[in-house]
Amino acid sequence: MSSSTNKTEKSANGSKAEAANPSVSEMEAQIETLKAEIAKLTAQVSSSGERSFEALKNIAQEGVHQARAQGEAAVAGLKENAGDIEAQVVAAVREKPVTSLAIAAGVGFLFALLARR
C-alpha cells in the first residue's frame, strides 16, 4: 500500500511540475496568441489615429471658413465706413470750399516739415 501511495504522490508532484513548466508547444501557442493580439491593438491604434487626424482636419477647415467669413465681414464693414467718411468729406468740401482748401494746405505744410527732418 505504501508503494501505491508513493506513486500517487510522485504523480501529483509531476503534474505540479508540468503545470509550473508548460511545454514548448504551449509556450509557442501563447506567443502566437500574443502576437495576434498585438497586431490587433496596433491596427486599432492606427485606425484611431487616422480618425483623430480626420477630425482635427475637419475642425481646422471649419476654423478657416469661419475666419474667412469674419474677415470678409470686417472688410465689408471697413468699406462701408470708408464710403460714409468719403461722403462726409465731400459734403464738407462742397459746403465750405475755402476752409477745406486752407485745411488741406495746412496739412500739406505739416507733412513737408516732417519730411525734411
PDB file of N, CA and C in Angstrom:
ATOM      1  N   MET A   1       0.804  -1.159   0.000  1.00  0.00           N
ATOM      2  CA  MET A   1       0.000   0.000   0.000  1.00  0.00           C
ATOM      3  C   MET A   1       0.868   1.251   0.000  1.00  0.00           C
ATOM      4  N   SER A   2       1.963   1.173   0.636  1.00  0.00           N
ATOM      5  CA  SER A   2       2.828   2.328   0.664  1.00  0.00           C
ATOM      6  C   SER A   2       3.416   2.603  -0.701  1.00  0.00           C
ATOM      7  N   SER A   3       3.594   1.590  -1.513  1.00  0.00           N
ATOM      8  CA  SER A   3       4.126   1.824  -2.848  1.00  0.00           C
ATOM      9  C   SER A   3       3.105   2.539  -3.723  1.00  0.00           C
ATOM     10  N   SER A   4       1.820   2.236  -3.558  1.00  0.00           N
ATOM     11  CA  SER A   4       0.807   2.936  -4.330  1.00  0.00           C
ATOM     12  C   SER A   4       0.676   4.376  -3.852  1.00  0.00           C
ATOM     13  N   THR A   5       0.870   4.633  -2.561  1.00  0.00           N
ATOM     14  CA  THR A   5       0.825   5.994  -2.043  1.00  0.00           C
ATOM     15  C   THR A   5       1.994   6.789  -2.589  1.00  0.00           C
ATOM     16  N   ASN A   6       3.147   6.192  -2.670  1.00  0.00           N
ATOM     17  CA  ASN A   6       4.325   6.868  -3.216  1.00  0.00           C
ATOM     18  C   ASN A   6       4.110   7.208  -4.690  1.00  0.00           C
ATOM     19  N   LYS A   7       3.503   6.288  -5.437  1.00  0.00           N
ATOM     20  CA  LYS A   7       3.238   6.549  -6.857  1.00  0.00           C
ATOM     21  C   LYS A   7       2.253   7.696  -7.020  1.00  0.00           C
ATOM     22  N   THR A   8       1.246   7.760  -6.140  1.00  0.00           N
ATOM     23  CA  THR A   8       0.259   8.824  -6.208  1.00  0.00           C
ATOM     24  C   THR A   8       0.918  10.156  -5.894  1.00  0.00           C
ATOM     25  N   GLU A   9       1.789  10.181  -4.893  1.00  0.00           N
ATOM     26  CA  GLU A   9       2.474  11.420  -4.533  1.00  0.00           C
ATOM     27  C   GLU A   9       3.389  11.859  -5.664  1.00  0.00           C
ATOM     28  N   LYS A  10       4.093  10.897  -6.300  1.00  0.00           N
ATOM     29  CA  LYS A  10       5.000  11.231  -7.396  1.00  0.00           C
ATOM     30  C   LYS A  10       4.226  11.792  -8.586  1.00  0.00           C
ATOM     31  N   SER A  11       3.068  11.163  -8.865  1.00  0.00           N
ATOM     32  CA  SER A  11       2.287  11.652  -9.997  1.00  0.00           C
ATOM     33  C   SER A  11       1.706  13.026  -9.694  1.00  0.00           C
ATOM     34  N   ALA A  12       1.345  13.301  -8.443  1.00  0.00           N
ATOM     35  CA  ALA A  12       0.840  14.625  -8.070  1.00  0.00           C
ATOM     36  C   ALA A  12       1.957  15.644  -8.170  1.00  0.00           C
ATOM     37  N   ASN A  13       3.148  15.278  -7.694  1.00  0.00           N
ATOM     38  CA  ASN A  13       4.297  16.182  -7.804  1.00  0.00           C
ATOM     39  C   ASN A  13       4.668  16.402  -9.261  1.00  0.00           C
ATOM     40  N   GLY A  14       4.539  15.388 -10.079  1.00  0.00           N
ATOM     41  CA  GLY A  14       4.850  15.507 -11.502  1.00  0.00           C
ATOM     42  C   GLY A  14       3.886  16.432 -12.211  1.00  0.00           C
ATOM     43  N   SER A  15       2.594  16.365 -11.884  1.00  0.00           N
ATOM     44  CA  SER A  15       1.622  17.246 -12.525  1.00  0.00           C
ATOM     45  C   SER A  15       1.828  18.690 -12.078  1.00  0.00           C
ATOM     46  N   LYS A  16       2.280  18.893 -10.827  1.00  0.00           N
ATOM     47  CA  LYS A  16       2.584  20.255 -10.371  1.00  0.00           C
ATOM     48  C   LYS A  16       3.779  20.805 -11.145  1.00  0.00           C
ATOM     49  N   ALA A  17       4.761  19.983 -11.378  1.00  0.00           N
ATOM     50  CA  ALA A  17       5.944  20.408 -12.117  1.00  0.00           C
ATOM     51  C   ALA A  17       5.570  20.724 -13.565  1.00  0.00           C
ATOM     52  N   GLU A  18       4.690  19.893 -14.142  1.00  0.00           N
ATOM     53  CA  GLU A  18       4.265  20.147 -15.518  1.00  0.00           C
ATOM     54  C   GLU A  18       3.465  21.439 -15.618  1.00  0.00           C
ATOM     55  N   ALA A  19       2.663  21.727 -14.589  1.00  0.00           N
ATOM     56  CA  ALA A  19       1.873  22.964 -14.602  1.00  0.00           C
ATOM     57  C   ALA A  19       2.781  24.175 -14.450  1.00  0.00           C
ATOM     58  N   ALA A  20       3.831  24.035 -13.654  1.00  0.00           N
ATOM     59  CA  ALA A  20       4.758  25.144 -13.461  1.00  0.00           C
ATOM     60  C   ALA A  20       5.627  25.347 -14.688  1.00  0.00           C
ATOM     61  N   ASN A  21       5.939  24.292 -15.407  1.00  0.00           N
ATOM     62  CA  ASN A  21       6.776  24.365 -16.601  1.00  0.00           C
ATOM     63  C   ASN A  21       5.974  23.903 -17.806  1.00  0.00           C
ATOM     64  N   PRO A  22       5.272  24.816 -18.478  1.00  0.00           N
ATOM     65  CA  PRO A  22       4.487  24.399 -19.634  1.00  0.00           C
ATOM     66  C   PRO A  22       5.414  23.931 -20.750  1.00  0.00           C
ATOM     67  N   SER A  23       4.870  23.137 -21.620  1.00  0.00           N
ATOM     68  CA  SER A  23       5.679  22.597 -22.708  1.00  0.00           C
ATOM     69  C   SER A  23       6.006  23.680 -23.729  1.00  0.00           C
ATOM     70  N   VAL A  24       6.949  23.381 -24.567  1.00  0.00           N
ATOM     71  CA  VAL A  24       7.397  24.330 -25.587  1.00  0.00           C
ATOM     72  C   VAL A  24       6.265  24.657 -26.553  1.00  0.00           C
ATOM     73  N   SER A  25       5.489  23.680 -26.921  1.00  0.00           N
ATOM     74  CA  SER A  25       4.397  23.928 -27.865  1.00  0.00           C
ATOM     75  C   SER A  25       3.330  24.844 -27.252  1.00  0.00           C
ATOM     76  N   GLU A  26       3.075  24.700 -25.947  1.00  0.00           N
ATOM     77  CA  GLU A  26       2.123  25.604 -25.286  1.00  0.00           C
ATOM     78  C   GLU A  26       2.665  27.024 -25.263  1.00  0.00           C
ATOM     79  N   MET A  27       3.957  27.144 -24.997  1.00  0.00           N
ATOM     80  CA  MET A  27       4.572  28.478 -24.984  1.00  0.00           C
ATOM     81  C   MET A  27       4.522  29.113 -26.363  1.00  0.00           C
ATOM     82  N   GLU A  28       4.791  28.323 -27.396  1.00  0.00           N
ATOM     83  CA  GLU A  28       4.730  28.845 -28.760  1.00  0.00           C
ATOM     84  C   GLU A  28       3.313  29.280 -29.108  1.00  0.00           C
ATOM     85  N   ALA A  29       2.331  28.537 -28.659  1.00  0.00           N
ATOM     86  CA  ALA A  29       0.938  28.898 -28.909  1.00  0.00           C
ATOM     87  C   ALA A  29       0.591  30.211 -28.198  1.00  0.00           C
ATOM     88  N   GLN A  30       1.077  30.362 -26.978  1.00  0.00           N
ATOM     89  CA  GLN A  30       0.829  31.603 -26.234  1.00  0.00           C
ATOM     90  C   GLN A  30       1.516  32.782 -26.915  1.00  0.00           C
ATOM     91  N   ILE A  31       2.720  32.565 -27.417  1.00  0.00           N
ATOM     92  CA  ILE A  31       3.447  33.630 -28.117  1.00  0.00           C
ATOM     93  C   ILE A  31       2.684  34.034 -29.371  1.00  0.00           C
ATOM     94  N   GLU A  32       2.179  33.074 -30.122  1.00  0.00           N
ATOM     95  CA  GLU A  32       1.406  33.373 -31.330  1.00  0.00           C
ATOM     96  C   GLU A  32       0.130  34.145 -30.978  1.00  0.00           C
ATOM     97  N   THR A  33      -0.507  33.750 -29.873  1.00  0.00           N
ATOM     98  CA  THR A  33      -1.710  34.465 -29.424  1.00  0.00           C
ATOM     99  C   THR A  33      -1.366  35.907 -29.077  1.00  0.00           C
ATOM    100  N   LEU A  34      -0.243  36.083 -28.364  1.00  0.00           N
ATOM    101  CA  LEU A  34       0.184  37.438 -28.013  1.00  0.00           C
ATOM    102  C   LEU A  34       0.504  38.259 -29.260  1.00  0.00           C
ATOM    103  N   LYS A  35       1.160  37.642 -30.245  1.00  0.00           N
ATOM    104  CA  LYS A  35       1.472  38.356 -31.486  1.00  0.00           C
ATOM    105  C   LYS A  35       0.196  38.805 -32.183  1.00  0.00           C
ATOM    106  N   ALA A  36      -0.794  37.926 -32.207  1.00  0.00           N
ATOM    107  CA  ALA A  36      -2.070  38.272 -32.855  1.00  0.00           C
ATOM    108  C   ALA A  36      -2.756  39.416 -32.105  1.00  0.00           C
ATOM    109  N   GLU A  37      -2.731  39.381 -30.783  1.00  0.00           N
ATOM    110  CA  GLU A  37      -3.349  40.457 -30.002  1.00  0.00           C
ATOM    111  C   GLU A  37      -2.617  41.768 -30.196  1.00  0.00           C
ATOM    112  N   ILE A  38      -1.283  41.723 -30.280  1.00  0.00           N
ATOM    113  CA  ILE A  38      -0.501  42.943 -30.520  1.00  0.00           C
ATOM    114  C   ILE A  38      -0.824  43.510 -31.899  1.00  0.00           C
ATOM    115  N   ALA A  39      -0.979  42.630 -32.893  1.00  0.00           N
ATOM    116  CA  ALA A  39      -1.332  43.087 -34.241  1.00  0.00           C
ATOM    117  C   ALA A  39      -2.705  43.763 -34.234  1.00  0.00           C
ATOM    118  N   LYS A  40      -3.661  43.190 -33.495  1.00  0.00           N
ATOM    119  CA  LYS A  40      -4.996  43.805 -33.394  1.00  0.00           C
ATOM    120  C   LYS A  40      -4.912  45.167 -32.720  1.00  0.00           C
ATOM    121  N   LEU A  41      -4.147  45.242 -31.632  1.00  0.00           N
ATOM    122  CA  LEU A  41      -4.009  46.525 -30.931  1.00  0.00           C
ATOM    123  C   LEU A  41      -3.353  47.572 -31.823  1.00  0.00           C
ATOM    124  N   THR A  42      -2.336  47.160 -32.579  1.00  0.00           N
ATOM    125  CA  THR A  42      -1.665  48.085 -33.491  1.00  0.00           C
ATOM    126  C   THR A  42      -2.643  48.609 -34.533  1.00  0.00           C
ATOM    127  N   ALA A  43      -3.463  47.734 -35.076  1.00  0.00           N
ATOM    128  CA  ALA A  43      -4.458  48.153 -36.068  1.00  0.00           C
ATOM    129  C   ALA A  43      -5.465  49.112 -35.448  1.00  0.00           C
ATOM    130  N   GLN A  44      -5.899  48.841 -34.231  1.00  0.00           N
ATOM    131  CA  GLN A  44      -6.862  49.723 -33.559  1.00  0.00           C
ATOM    132  C   GLN A  44      -6.261  51.091 -33.296  1.00  0.00           C
ATOM    133  N   VAL A  45      -4.996  51.119 -32.847  1.00  0.00           N
ATOM    134  CA  VAL A  45      -4.347  52.405 -32.564  1.00  0.00           C
ATOM    135  C   VAL A  45      -4.181  53.211 -33.841  1.00  0.00           C
ATOM    136  N   SER A  46      -3.758  52.566 -34.930  1.00  0.00           N
ATOM    137  CA  SER A  46      -3.580  53.320 -36.176  1.00  0.00           C
ATOM    138  C   SER A  46      -4.922  53.810 -36.706  1.00  0.00           C
ATOM    139  N   SER A  47      -5.953  52.994 -36.574  1.00  0.00           N
ATOM    140  CA  SER A  47      -7.287  53.410 -37.002  1.00  0.00           C
ATOM    141  C   SER A  47      -7.771  54.594 -36.171  1.00  0.00           C
ATOM    142  N   SER A  48      -7.534  54.522 -34.894  1.00  0.00           N
ATOM    143  CA  SER A  48      -7.928  55.624 -34.007  1.00  0.00           C
ATOM    144  C   SER A  48      -7.167  56.893 -34.354  1.00  0.00           C
ATOM    145  N   GLY A  49      -5.875  56.745 -34.659  1.00  0.00           N
ATOM    146  CA  GLY A  49      -5.074  57.906 -35.049  1.00  0.00           C
ATOM    147  C   GLY A  49      -5.572  58.540 -36.326  1.00  0.00           C
ATOM    148  N   GLU A  50      -5.948  57.713 -37.290  1.00  0.00           N
ATOM    149  CA  GLU A  50      -6.463  58.236 -38.559  1.00  0.00           C
ATOM    150  C   GLU A  50      -7.774  58.981 -38.346  1.00  0.00           C
ATOM    151  N   ARG A  51      -8.643  58.426 -37.493  1.00  0.00           N
ATOM    152  CA  ARG A  51      -9.913  59.102 -37.218  1.00  0.00           C
ATOM    153  C   ARG A  51      -9.667  60.422 -36.507  1.00  0.00           C
ATOM    154  N   SER A  52      -8.720  60.440 -35.578  1.00  0.00           N
ATOM    155  CA  SER A  52      -8.402  61.680 -34.862  1.00  0.00           C
ATOM    156  C   SER A  52      -7.846  62.718 -35.825  1.00  0.00           C
ATOM    157  N   PHE A  53      -6.980  62.285 -36.741  1.00  0.00           N
ATOM    158  CA  PHE A  53      -6.417  63.199 -37.721  1.00  0.00           C
ATOM    159  C   PHE A  53      -7.507  63.795 -38.595  1.00  0.00           C
ATOM    160  N   GLU A  54      -8.426  62.962 -39.053  1.00  0.00           N
ATOM    161  CA  GLU A  54      -9.525  63.451 -39.889  1.00  0.00           C
ATOM    162  C   GLU A  54     -10.400  64.438 -39.118  1.00  0.00           C
ATOM    163  N   ALA A  55     -10.652  64.148 -37.847  1.00  0.00           N
ATOM    164  CA  ALA A  55     -11.470  65.053 -37.031  1.00  0.00           C
ATOM    165  C   ALA A  55     -10.761  66.387 -36.866  1.00  0.00           C
ATOM    166  N   LEU A  56      -9.460  66.359 -36.589  1.00  0.00           N
ATOM    167  CA  LEU A  56      -8.698  67.605 -36.452  1.00  0.00           C
ATOM    168  C   LEU A  56      -8.658  68.378 -37.763  1.00  0.00           C
ATOM    169  N   LYS A  57      -8.534  67.659 -38.858  1.00  0.00           N
ATOM    170  CA  LYS A  57      -8.511  68.299 -40.176  1.00  0.00           C
ATOM    171  C   LYS A  57      -9.836  69.010 -40.438  1.00  0.00           C
ATOM    172  N   ASN A  58     -10.940  68.343 -40.107  1.00  0.00           N
ATOM    173  CA  ASN A  58     -12.261  68.953 -40.299  1.00  0.00           C
ATOM    174  C   ASN A  58     -12.436  70.177 -39.419  1.00  0.00           C
ATOM    175  N   ILE A  59     -11.967  70.102 -38.179  1.00  0.00           N
ATOM    176  CA  ILE A  59     -12.058  71.243 -37.265  1.00  0.00           C
ATOM    177  C   ILE A  59     -11.244  72.411 -37.803  1.00  0.00           C
ATOM    178  N   ALA A  60     -10.046  72.128 -38.310  1.00  0.00           N
ATOM    179  CA  ALA A  60      -9.199  73.189 -38.858  1.00  0.00           C
ATOM    180  C   ALA A  60      -9.853  73.837 -40.076  1.00  0.00           C
ATOM    181  N   GLN A  61     -10.436  73.018 -40.951  1.00  0.00           N
ATOM    182  CA  GLN A  61     -11.102  73.578 -42.128  1.00  0.00           C
ATOM    183  C   GLN A  61     -12.287  74.441 -41.728  1.00  0.00           C
ATOM    184  N   GLU A  62     -13.018  73.998 -40.723  1.00  0.00           N
ATOM    185  CA  GLU A  62     -14.152  74.795 -40.243  1.00  0.00           C
ATOM    186  C   GLU A  62     -13.674  76.129 -39.677  1.00  0.00           C
ATOM    187  N   GLY A  63     -12.557  76.086 -38.942  1.00  0.00           N
ATOM    188  CA  GLY A  63     -11.983  77.326 -38.395  1.00  0.00           C
ATOM    189  C   GLY A  63     -11.547  78.279 -39.493  1.00  0.00           C
ATOM    190  N   VAL A  64     -10.966  77.732 -40.552  1.00  0.00           N
ATOM    191  CA  VAL A  64     -10.540  78.571 -41.683  1.00  0.00           C
ATOM    192  C   VAL A  64     -11.751  79.223 -42.332  1.00  0.00           C
ATOM    193  N   HIS A  65     -12.814  78.459 -42.514  1.00  0.00           N
ATOM    194  CA  HIS A  65     -14.025  79.021 -43.129  1.00  0.00           C
ATOM    195  C   HIS A  65     -14.617  80.129 -42.249  1.00  0.00           C
ATOM    196  N   GLN A  66     -14.622  79.922 -40.942  1.00  0.00           N
ATOM    197  CA  GLN A  66     -15.153  80.943 -40.035  1.00  0.00           C
ATOM    198  C   GLN A  66     -14.284  82.193 -40.068  1.00  0.00           C
ATOM    199  N   ALA A  67     -12.953  82.001 -40.055  1.00  0.00           N
ATOM    200  CA  ALA A  67     -12.047  83.155 -40.102  1.00  0.00           C
ATOM    201  C   ALA A  67     -12.212  83.928 -41.404  1.00  0.00           C
ATOM    202  N   ARG A  68     -12.385  83.196 -42.515  1.00  0.00           N
ATOM    203  CA  ARG A  68     -12.573  83.851 -43.812  1.00  0.00           C
ATOM    204  C   ARG A  68     -13.870  84.665 -43.810  1.00  0.00           C
ATOM    205  N   ALA A  69     -14.937  84.079 -43.255  1.00  0.00           N
ATOM    206  CA  ALA A  69     -16.226  84.783 -43.211  1.00  0.00           C
ATOM    207  C   ALA A  69     -16.127  86.033 -42.345  1.00  0.00           C
ATOM    208  N   GLN A  70     -15.434  85.912 -41.205  1.00  0.00           N
ATOM    209  CA  GLN A  70     -15.267  87.078 -40.333  1.00  0.00           C
ATOM    210  C   GLN A  70     -14.423  88.143 -41.017  1.00  0.00           C
ATOM    211  N   GLY A  71     -13.370  87.723 -41.722  1.00  0.00           N
ATOM    212  CA  GLY A  71     -12.525  88.679 -42.449  1.00  0.00           C
ATOM    213  C   GLY A  71     -13.295  89.411 -43.536  1.00  0.00           C
ATOM    214  N   GLU A  72     -14.102  88.665 -44.268  1.00  0.00           N
ATOM    215  CA  GLU A  72     -14.906  89.285 -45.322  1.00  0.00           C
ATOM    216  C   GLU A  72     -15.921  90.259 -44.742  1.00  0.00           C
ATOM    217  N   ALA A  73     -16.496  89.907 -43.600  1.00  0.00           N
ATOM    218  CA  ALA A  73     -17.452  90.815 -42.949  1.00  0.00           C
ATOM    219  C   ALA A  73     -16.739  92.077 -42.471  1.00  0.00           C
ATOM    220  N   ALA A  74     -15.511  91.922 -41.937  1.00  0.00           N
ATOM    221  CA  ALA A  74     -14.751  93.086 -41.471  1.00  0.00           C
ATOM    222  C   ALA A  74     -14.386  94.005 -42.645  1.00  0.00           C
ATOM    223  N   VAL A  75     -13.982  93.421 -43.762  1.00  0.00           N
ATOM    224  CA  VAL A  75     -13.634  94.219 -44.946  1.00  0.00           C
ATOM    225  C   VAL A  75     -14.868  94.960 -45.455  1.00  0.00           C
ATOM    226  N   ALA A  76     -16.006  94.274 -45.475  1.00  0.00           N
ATOM    227  CA  ALA A  76     -17.239  94.931 -45.930  1.00  0.00           C
ATOM    228  C   ALA A  76     -17.598  96.092 -45.002  1.00  0.00           C
ATOM    229  N   GLY A  77     -17.425  95.901 -43.708  1.00  0.00           N
ATOM    230  CA  GLY A  77     -17.701  96.983 -42.753  1.00  0.00           C
ATOM    231  C   GLY A  77     -16.765  98.159 -42.945  1.00  0.00           C
ATOM    232  N   LEU A  78     -15.465  97.873 -43.183  1.00  0.00           N
ATOM    233  CA  LEU A  78     -14.498  98.953 -43.419  1.00  0.00           C
ATOM    234  C   LEU A  78     -14.816  99.714 -44.705  1.00  0.00           C
ATOM    235  N   LYS A  79     -15.221  98.983 -45.746  1.00  0.00           N
ATOM    236  CA  LYS A  79     -15.591  99.658 -46.995  1.00  0.00           C
ATOM    237  C   LYS A  79     -16.793 100.574 -46.776  1.00  0.00           C
ATOM    238  N   GLU A  80     -17.738 100.085 -46.008  1.00  0.00           N
ATOM    239  CA  GLU A  80     -18.924 100.896 -45.732  1.00  0.00           C
ATOM    240  C   GLU A  80     -18.549 102.155 -44.946  1.00  0.00           C
ATOM    241  N   ASN A  81     -17.697 101.990 -43.928  1.00  0.00           N
ATOM    242  CA  ASN A  81     -17.255 103.146 -43.138  1.00  0.00           C
ATOM    243  C   ASN A  81     -16.463 104.132 -43.991  1.00  0.00           C
ATOM    244  N   ALA A  82     -15.604 103.613 -44.863  1.00  0.00           N
ATOM    245  CA  ALA A  82     -14.826 104.485 -45.739  1.00  0.00           C
ATOM    246  C   ALA A  82     -15.749 105.255 -46.675  1.00  0.00           C
ATOM    247  N   GLY A  83     -16.779 104.601 -47.171  1.00  0.00           N
ATOM    248  CA  GLY A  83     -17.748 105.286 -48.037  1.00  0.00           C
ATOM    249  C   GLY A  83     -18.486 106.384 -47.286  1.00  0.00           C
ATOM    250  N   ASP A  84     -18.832 106.119 -46.020  1.00  0.00           N
ATOM    251  CA  ASP A  84     -19.508 107.141 -45.219  1.00  0.00           C
ATOM    252  C   ASP A  84     -18.599 108.338 -44.964  1.00  0.00           C
ATOM    253  N   ILE A  85     -17.338 108.054 -44.630  1.00  0.00           N
ATOM    254  CA  ILE A  85     -16.379 109.142 -44.375  1.00  0.00           C
ATOM    255  C   ILE A  85     -16.155 109.955 -45.646  1.00  0.00           C
ATOM    256  N   GLU A  86     -16.047 109.277 -46.775  1.00  0.00           N
ATOM    257  CA  GLU A  86     -15.869 109.977 -48.051  1.00  0.00           C
ATOM    258  C   GLU A  86     -17.054 110.880 -48.334  1.00  0.00           C
ATOM    259  N   ALA A  87     -18.237 110.384 -48.100  1.00  0.00           N
ATOM    260  CA  ALA A  87     -19.433 111.194 -48.336  1.00  0.00           C
ATOM    261  C   ALA A  87     -19.439 112.421 -47.422  1.00  0.00           C
ATOM    262  N   GLN A  88     -19.023 112.257 -46.177  1.00  0.00           N
ATOM    263  CA  GLN A  88     -18.980 113.397 -45.239  1.00  0.00           C
ATOM    264  C   GLN A  88     -17.941 114.425 -45.686  1.00  0.00           C
ATOM    265  N   VAL A  89     -16.773 113.963 -46.153  1.00  0.00           N
ATOM    266  CA  VAL A  89     -15.722 114.892 -46.608  1.00  0.00           C
ATOM    267  C   VAL A  89     -16.198 115.651 -47.843  1.00  0.00           C
ATOM    268  N   VAL A  90     -16.814 114.938 -48.764  1.00  0.00           N
ATOM    269  CA  VAL A  90     -17.307 115.598 -49.980  1.00  0.00           C
ATOM    270  C   VAL A  90     -18.363 116.644 -49.616  1.00  0.00           C
ATOM    271  N   ALA A  91     -19.243 116.316 -48.683  1.00  0.00           N
ATOM    272  CA  ALA A  91     -20.277 117.265 -48.264  1.00  0.00           C
ATOM    273  C   ALA A  91     -19.649 118.479 -47.590  1.00  0.00           C
ATOM    274  N   ALA A  92     -18.628 118.272 -46.765  1.00  0.00           N
ATOM    275  CA  ALA A  92     -17.969 119.388 -46.072  1.00  0.00           C
ATOM    276  C   ALA A  92     -17.234 120.285 -47.062  1.00  0.00           C
ATOM    277  N   VAL A  93     -16.594 119.698 -48.060  1.00  0.00           N
ATOM    278  CA  VAL A  93     -15.862 120.494 -49.056  1.00  0.00           C
ATOM    279  C   VAL A  93     -16.841 121.305 -49.892  1.00  0.00           C
ATOM    280  N   ARG A  94     -17.979 120.727 -50.243  1.00  0.00           N
ATOM    281  CA  ARG A  94     -18.962 121.467 -51.033  1.00  0.00           C
ATOM    282  C   ARG A  94     -19.585 122.585 -50.206  1.00  0.00           C
ATOM    283  N   GLU A  95     -19.724 122.341 -48.912  1.00  0.00           N
ATOM    284  CA  GLU A  95     -20.337 123.338 -48.041  1.00  0.00           C
ATOM    285  C   GLU A  95     -19.390 124.514 -47.779  1.00  0.00           C
ATOM    286  N   LYS A  96     -18.117 124.200 -47.537  1.00  0.00           N
ATOM    287  CA  LYS A  96     -17.131 125.249 -47.218  1.00  0.00           C
ATOM    288  C   LYS A  96     -15.850 124.989 -48.004  1.00  0.00           C
ATOM    289  N   PRO A  97     -15.817 125.350 -49.274  1.00  0.00           N
ATOM    290  CA  PRO A  97     -14.647 125.043 -50.103  1.00  0.00           C
ATOM    291  C   PRO A  97     -13.377 125.795 -49.689  1.00  0.00           C
ATOM    292  N   VAL A  98     -13.502 127.046 -49.278  1.00  0.00           N
ATOM    293  CA  VAL A  98     -12.323 127.836 -48.909  1.00  0.00           C
ATOM    294  C   VAL A  98     -11.694 127.263 -47.632  1.00  0.00           C
ATOM    295  N   THR A  99     -12.498 126.941 -46.644  1.00  0.00           N
ATOM    296  CA  THR A  99     -11.999 126.370 -45.393  1.00  0.00           C
ATOM    297  C   THR A  99     -11.323 125.027 -45.660  1.00  0.00           C
ATOM    298  N   SER A 100     -11.912 124.224 -46.517  1.00  0.00           N
ATOM    299  CA  SER A 100     -11.341 122.917 -46.842  1.00  0.00           C
ATOM    300  C   SER A 100      -9.997 123.068 -47.531  1.00  0.00           C
ATOM    301  N   LEU A 101      -9.889 124.041 -48.425  1.00  0.00           N
ATOM    302  CA  LEU A 101      -8.629 124.297 -49.119  1.00  0.00           C
ATOM    303  C   LEU A 101      -7.557 124.741 -48.136  1.00  0.00           C
ATOM    304  N   ALA A 102      -7.916 125.607 -47.183  1.00  0.00           N
ATOM    305  CA  ALA A 102      -6.956 126.065 -46.169  1.00  0.00           C
ATOM    306  C   ALA A 102      -6.497 124.895 -45.293  1.00  0.00           C
ATOM    307  N   ILE A 103      -7.404 124.021 -44.911  1.00  0.00           N
ATOM    308  CA  ILE A 103      -7.041 122.855 -44.083  1.00  0.00           C
ATOM    309  C   ILE A 103      -6.099 121.935 -44.864  1.00  0.00           C
ATOM    310  N   ALA A 104      -6.402 121.717 -46.136  1.00  0.00           N
ATOM    311  CA  ALA A 104      -5.560 120.853 -46.961  1.00  0.00           C
ATOM    312  C   ALA A 104      -4.167 121.449 -47.109  1.00  0.00           C
ATOM    313  N   ALA A 105      -4.075 122.768 -47.281  1.00  0.00           N
ATOM    314  CA  ALA A 105      -2.771 123.431 -47.400  1.00  0.00           C
ATOM    315  C   ALA A 105      -2.003 123.305 -46.085  1.00  0.00           C
ATOM    316  N   GLY A 106      -2.675 123.461 -44.963  1.00  0.00           N
ATOM    317  CA  GLY A 106      -2.007 123.334 -43.660  1.00  0.00           C
ATOM    318  C   GLY A 106      -1.487 121.922 -43.417  1.00  0.00           C
ATOM    319  N   VAL A 107      -2.277 120.952 -43.762  1.00  0.00           N
ATOM    320  CA  VAL A 107      -1.847 119.547 -43.592  1.00  0.00           C
ATOM    321  C   VAL A 107      -0.663 119.255 -44.503  1.00  0.00           C
ATOM    322  N   GLY A 108      -0.693 119.740 -45.722  1.00  0.00           N
ATOM    323  CA  GLY A 108       0.423 119.557 -46.654  1.00  0.00           C
ATOM    324  C   GLY A 108       1.688 120.210 -46.123  1.00  0.00           C
ATOM    325  N   PHE A 109       1.561 121.412 -45.549  1.00  0.00           N
ATOM    326  CA  PHE A 109       2.719 122.110 -44.975  1.00  0.00           C
ATOM    327  C   PHE A 109       3.328 121.301 -43.828  1.00  0.00           C
ATOM    328  N   LEU A 110       2.464 120.723 -42.956  1.00  0.00           N
ATOM    329  CA  LEU A 110       2.971 119.901 -41.852  1.00  0.00           C
ATOM    330  C   LEU A 110       3.697 118.662 -42.346  1.00  0.00           C
ATOM    331  N   PHE A 111       3.150 118.025 -43.362  1.00  0.00           N
ATOM    332  CA  PHE A 111       3.820 116.858 -43.934  1.00  0.00           C
ATOM    333  C   PHE A 111       5.178 117.228 -44.539  1.00  0.00           C
ATOM    334  N   ALA A 112       5.228 118.402 -45.162  1.00  0.00           N
ATOM    335  CA  ALA A 112       6.505 118.866 -45.749  1.00  0.00           C
ATOM    336  C   ALA A 112       7.535 119.107 -44.658  1.00  0.00           C
ATOM    337  N   LEU A 113       7.128 119.708 -43.547  1.00  0.00           N
ATOM    338  CA  LEU A 113       8.045 119.911 -42.431  1.00  0.00           C
ATOM    339  C   LEU A 113       8.556 118.594 -41.854  1.00  0.00           C
ATOM    340  N   LEU A 114       7.683 117.650 -41.705  1.00  0.00           N
ATOM    341  CA  LEU A 114       8.071 116.356 -41.159  1.00  0.00           C
ATOM    342  C   LEU A 114       8.985 115.589 -42.129  1.00  0.00           C
ATOM    343  N   ALA A 115       8.734 115.718 -43.423  1.00  0.00           N
ATOM    344  CA  ALA A 115       9.529 115.003 -44.418  1.00  0.00           C
ATOM    345  C   ALA A 115      10.947 115.545 -44.511  1.00  0.00           C
ATOM    346  N   ARG A 116      11.149 116.819 -44.196  1.00  0.00           N
ATOM    347  CA  ARG A 116      12.500 117.395 -44.269  1.00  0.00           C
ATOM    348  C   ARG A 116      13.388 116.879 -43.149  1.00  0.00           C
ATOM    349  N   ARG A 117      12.821 116.499 -42.048  1.00  0.00           N
ATOM    350  CA  ARG A 117      13.627 116.059 -40.896  1.00  0.00           C
ATOM    351  C   ARG A 117      14.037 114.679 -41.095  1.00  0.00           C
TER     352      ARG A 117
END
